[in-house]
Amino acid sequence: MVNNFNITVCASGNGGNLQSLIDNQGKIGIRINMVIVDRKCGAIDRAVNSNIPYKMILNNQYVDNFLKEIDANIPPNTDLVVLAGFFPVLDVTFCKKWKNKIINTHPSLLPKYGGKGMYGVRVQEAVMRAKEKYAGCTVHYVTPEIDGGAIILQKVIEVDYTQTPRELGGRIHMEENKLLVNAISLIKNSKI
């Protein structure tokens, strides 16, 4: 399969979603052309080990300048920007420029448990506090409204109350890795 669908991945964490994309590049016909991180994190090692260029842009400056620098480092041949555990919130200008070309993963069944402050283990703590029967993850388009873009795919799993919120989050993250690959494949093949 020809790798002609170019993806820039933005990450802030250990790079689990990034690794899933690296492992599936050939299978779904994508090429990761750049990894952008906002801090020292595991995603850097994964990029280096796979010979993928990366750029660290520290988020210790004014938001406008930070986002302009990110935008300036996205290669011009990029077909899709993937936020894979990327913590900074993008502004209206950035979202409009990349409209329908930027996606995000979220560890809940949006619209539930989304929005400002809902990330990481906080999401699963809220799910378990609410005694939800099901949890899951979502891949969605990015808009200026946090976690408010159109949903591309979701994966539902049953909540196991013998687990801690962190363990539930680990199960969800494993599903998120697969869901992201499937969502990108659908986008690449114009199925959505």
Protein backbone atom coordinates (compact mmCIF):
# COMPACT_ATOMS: atom_id res chain seq x y z
CA MET A 1 0.00 0.00 0.00
CA VAL A 2 1.34 3.45 -0.89
CA ASN A 3 2.06 5.69 2.08
CA ASN A 4 0.80 8.94 0.60
CA PHE A 5 -1.51 10.15 3.37
CA ASN A 6 0.66 12.35 5.56
CA ILE A 7 -0.05 12.78 9.25
CA THR A 8 1.42 15.12 11.84
CA VAL A 9 0.98 13.82 15.39
CA CYS A 10 0.90 16.20 18.38
CA ALA A 11 1.56 14.50 21.73
CA SER A 12 2.26 15.35 25.36
CA GLY A 13 2.56 11.91 26.97
CA ASN A 14 4.16 8.51 26.66
CA GLY A 15 3.16 8.14 23.02
CA GLY A 16 0.98 5.03 23.16
CA ASN A 17 -1.36 6.33 20.46
CA LEU A 18 1.65 7.43 18.42
CA GLN A 19 3.16 3.94 18.67
CA SER A 20 -0.09 2.41 17.46
CA LEU A 21 0.03 4.69 14.41
CA ILE A 22 3.72 3.89 13.82
CA ASP A 23 2.98 0.16 13.97
CA ASN A 24 0.08 0.48 11.51
CA GLN A 25 1.51 2.96 8.96
CA GLY A 26 1.97 0.35 6.25
CA LYS A 27 -1.28 -1.45 6.99
CA ILE A 28 -3.49 1.61 6.54
CA GLY A 29 -1.29 3.50 4.07
CA ILE A 30 -0.22 6.51 6.10
CA ARG A 31 3.07 8.25 6.71
CA ILE A 32 3.82 10.13 9.92
CA ASN A 33 5.73 13.15 8.62
CA MET A 34 6.25 14.95 11.95
CA VAL A 35 5.71 14.57 15.68
CA ILE A 36 5.21 17.76 17.67
CA VAL A 37 5.49 17.67 21.47
CA ASP A 38 5.04 20.41 24.06
CA ARG A 39 7.31 18.88 26.72
CA LYS A 40 9.88 16.13 27.24
CA CYS A 41 7.84 12.94 26.98
CA GLY A 42 7.87 9.34 25.80
CA ALA A 43 6.53 10.33 22.39
CA ILE A 44 9.98 11.75 21.57
CA ASP A 45 11.66 8.37 22.08
CA ARG A 46 9.04 6.64 19.95
CA ALA A 47 9.58 9.16 17.14
CA VAL A 48 13.38 8.89 17.33
CA ASN A 49 13.28 5.07 17.40
CA SER A 50 11.16 5.13 14.23
CA ASN A 51 13.22 7.78 12.41
CA ILE A 52 10.35 10.25 12.44
CA PRO A 53 11.32 13.91 12.77
CA TYR A 54 10.06 15.68 15.87
CA LYS A 55 9.94 19.20 17.21
CA MET A 56 9.57 20.20 20.85
CA ILE A 57 7.70 23.47 21.26
CA LEU A 58 7.46 24.43 24.91
CA ASN A 59 4.16 25.90 26.02
CA ASN A 60 5.78 28.56 28.20
CA GLN A 61 5.00 31.49 25.99
CA TYR A 62 1.88 33.38 25.01
CA VAL A 63 -0.77 31.07 23.59
CA ASP A 64 -0.88 32.89 20.23
CA ASN A 65 2.87 32.48 19.71
CA PHE A 66 2.82 28.84 20.88
CA LEU A 67 0.06 27.90 18.44
CA LYS A 68 1.67 29.89 15.61
CA GLU A 69 4.90 27.98 16.18
CA ILE A 70 3.05 24.66 16.13
CA ASP A 71 1.32 25.65 12.91
CA ALA A 72 4.62 26.75 11.35
CA ASN A 73 6.13 23.32 12.10
CA ILE A 74 3.34 21.27 10.55
CA PRO A 75 4.74 20.21 7.16
CA PRO A 76 2.81 21.71 4.22
CA ASN A 77 2.02 18.26 2.78
CA THR A 78 0.10 17.24 5.93
CA ASP A 79 -3.31 15.71 5.21
CA LEU A 80 -4.37 15.25 8.84
CA VAL A 81 -3.25 16.52 12.25
CA VAL A 82 -3.76 14.00 15.04
CA LEU A 83 -3.89 15.11 18.67
CA ALA A 84 -2.77 11.99 20.50
CA GLY A 85 -2.78 12.86 24.18
CA PHE A 86 -1.92 16.49 23.42
CA PHE A 87 -2.77 18.67 26.42
CA PRO A 88 -2.79 22.26 25.08
CA VAL A 89 -6.15 23.63 23.95
CA LEU A 90 -6.21 24.98 20.39
CA ASP A 91 -7.67 28.39 19.61
CA VAL A 92 -10.36 29.38 17.10
CA THR A 93 -7.86 30.50 14.45
CA PHE A 94 -5.95 27.20 14.53
CA CYS A 95 -9.15 25.15 14.49
CA LYS A 96 -10.56 27.11 11.54
CA LYS A 97 -7.36 26.76 9.52
CA TRP A 98 -7.34 22.98 10.03
CA LYS A 99 -11.12 22.49 9.96
CA ASN A 100 -12.00 18.85 9.24
CA LYS A 101 -8.27 18.05 9.13
CA ILE A 102 -7.59 17.76 12.83
CA ILE A 103 -8.79 14.96 15.10
CA ASN A 104 -8.48 14.12 18.78
CA THR A 105 -8.88 11.11 21.03
CA HIS A 106 -10.80 11.33 24.30
CA PRO A 107 -11.15 8.66 27.02
CA SER A 108 -14.93 8.87 27.36
CA LEU A 109 -18.08 8.36 25.36
CA LEU A 110 -18.56 11.97 24.34
CA PRO A 111 -20.50 14.10 24.93
CA LYS A 112 -20.39 12.61 28.44
CA TYR A 113 -17.34 13.45 30.55
CA GLY A 114 -15.78 15.85 28.07
CA GLY A 115 -14.78 19.48 28.21
CA LYS A 116 -12.37 21.54 30.27
CA GLY A 117 -10.58 19.63 33.00
CA MET A 118 -11.77 16.22 31.83
CA TYR A 119 -8.67 14.27 30.88
CA GLY A 120 -6.67 11.31 32.09
CA VAL A 121 -7.77 9.44 35.20
CA ARG A 122 -10.17 12.27 36.12
CA VAL A 123 -12.53 11.00 33.42
CA GLN A 124 -12.64 7.45 34.77
CA GLU A 125 -13.00 8.71 38.35
CA ALA A 126 -16.08 10.66 37.23
CA VAL A 127 -17.46 7.65 35.33
CA MET A 128 -17.09 5.41 38.39
CA ARG A 129 -18.47 8.02 40.80
CA ALA A 130 -21.57 8.23 38.59
CA LYS A 131 -21.89 4.41 38.69
CA GLU A 132 -21.98 4.22 34.89
CA LYS A 133 -22.47 0.75 33.42
CA TYR A 134 -20.41 1.62 30.34
CA ALA A 135 -17.33 3.67 29.60
CA GLY A 136 -15.25 4.00 26.46
CA CYS A 137 -13.37 6.29 24.14
CA THR A 138 -14.05 8.63 21.25
CA VAL A 139 -12.21 9.92 18.20
CA HIS A 140 -13.66 13.24 17.05
CA TYR A 141 -12.93 16.24 14.87
CA VAL A 142 -11.47 19.22 16.72
CA THR A 143 -13.40 22.47 16.95
CA PRO A 144 -12.91 25.51 19.19
CA GLU A 145 -15.33 23.92 21.68
CA ILE A 146 -13.32 21.48 23.82
CA ASP A 147 -14.37 17.91 22.93
CA GLY A 148 -17.30 19.36 20.97
CA GLY A 149 -16.47 18.33 17.41
CA ALA A 150 -18.31 15.76 15.32
CA ILE A 151 -17.78 12.21 16.54
CA ILE A 152 -15.98 9.91 14.10
CA LEU A 153 -15.93 6.65 16.08
CA GLN A 154 -16.57 5.40 19.61
CA LYS A 155 -15.77 2.18 21.44
CA VAL A 156 -17.91 1.07 24.38
CA ILE A 157 -16.63 -1.18 27.17
CA GLU A 158 -18.35 -2.39 30.30
CA VAL A 159 -17.13 -0.85 33.55
CA ASP A 160 -15.57 -3.43 35.86
CA TYR A 161 -15.98 -2.14 39.41
CA THR A 162 -13.29 -4.52 40.72
CA GLN A 163 -10.82 -2.23 38.92
CA THR A 164 -9.48 1.14 39.98
CA PRO A 165 -10.14 4.19 37.79
CA ARG A 166 -6.52 3.96 36.61
CA GLU A 167 -6.98 0.30 35.58
CA LEU A 168 -10.20 1.18 33.75
CA GLY A 169 -8.29 3.98 32.03
CA GLY A 170 -5.64 1.47 30.92
CA ARG A 171 -8.28 -0.74 29.33
CA ILE A 172 -9.80 2.26 27.59
CA HIS A 173 -6.40 3.44 26.35
CA MET A 174 -5.79 0.05 24.69
CA GLU A 175 -9.10 0.43 22.84
CA GLU A 176 -8.31 4.06 22.01
CA ASN A 177 -5.13 2.96 20.20
CA LYS A 178 -7.13 0.68 17.89
CA LEU A 179 -9.98 3.15 17.46
CA LEU A 180 -7.59 5.91 16.34
CA VAL A 181 -6.10 3.67 13.63
CA ASN A 182 -9.59 2.74 12.41
CA ALA A 183 -10.74 6.38 12.37
CA ILE A 184 -7.73 7.51 10.35
CA SER A 185 -8.26 4.66 7.89
CA LEU A 186 -11.87 5.78 7.39
CA ILE A 187 -10.83 9.40 6.89
CA LYS A 188 -8.04 8.45 4.48
CA ASN A 189 -10.38 6.32 2.41
CA SER A 190 -13.10 9.02 2.42
CA LYS A 191 -15.55 6.73 4.20
CA ILE A 192 -16.74 9.52 6.50
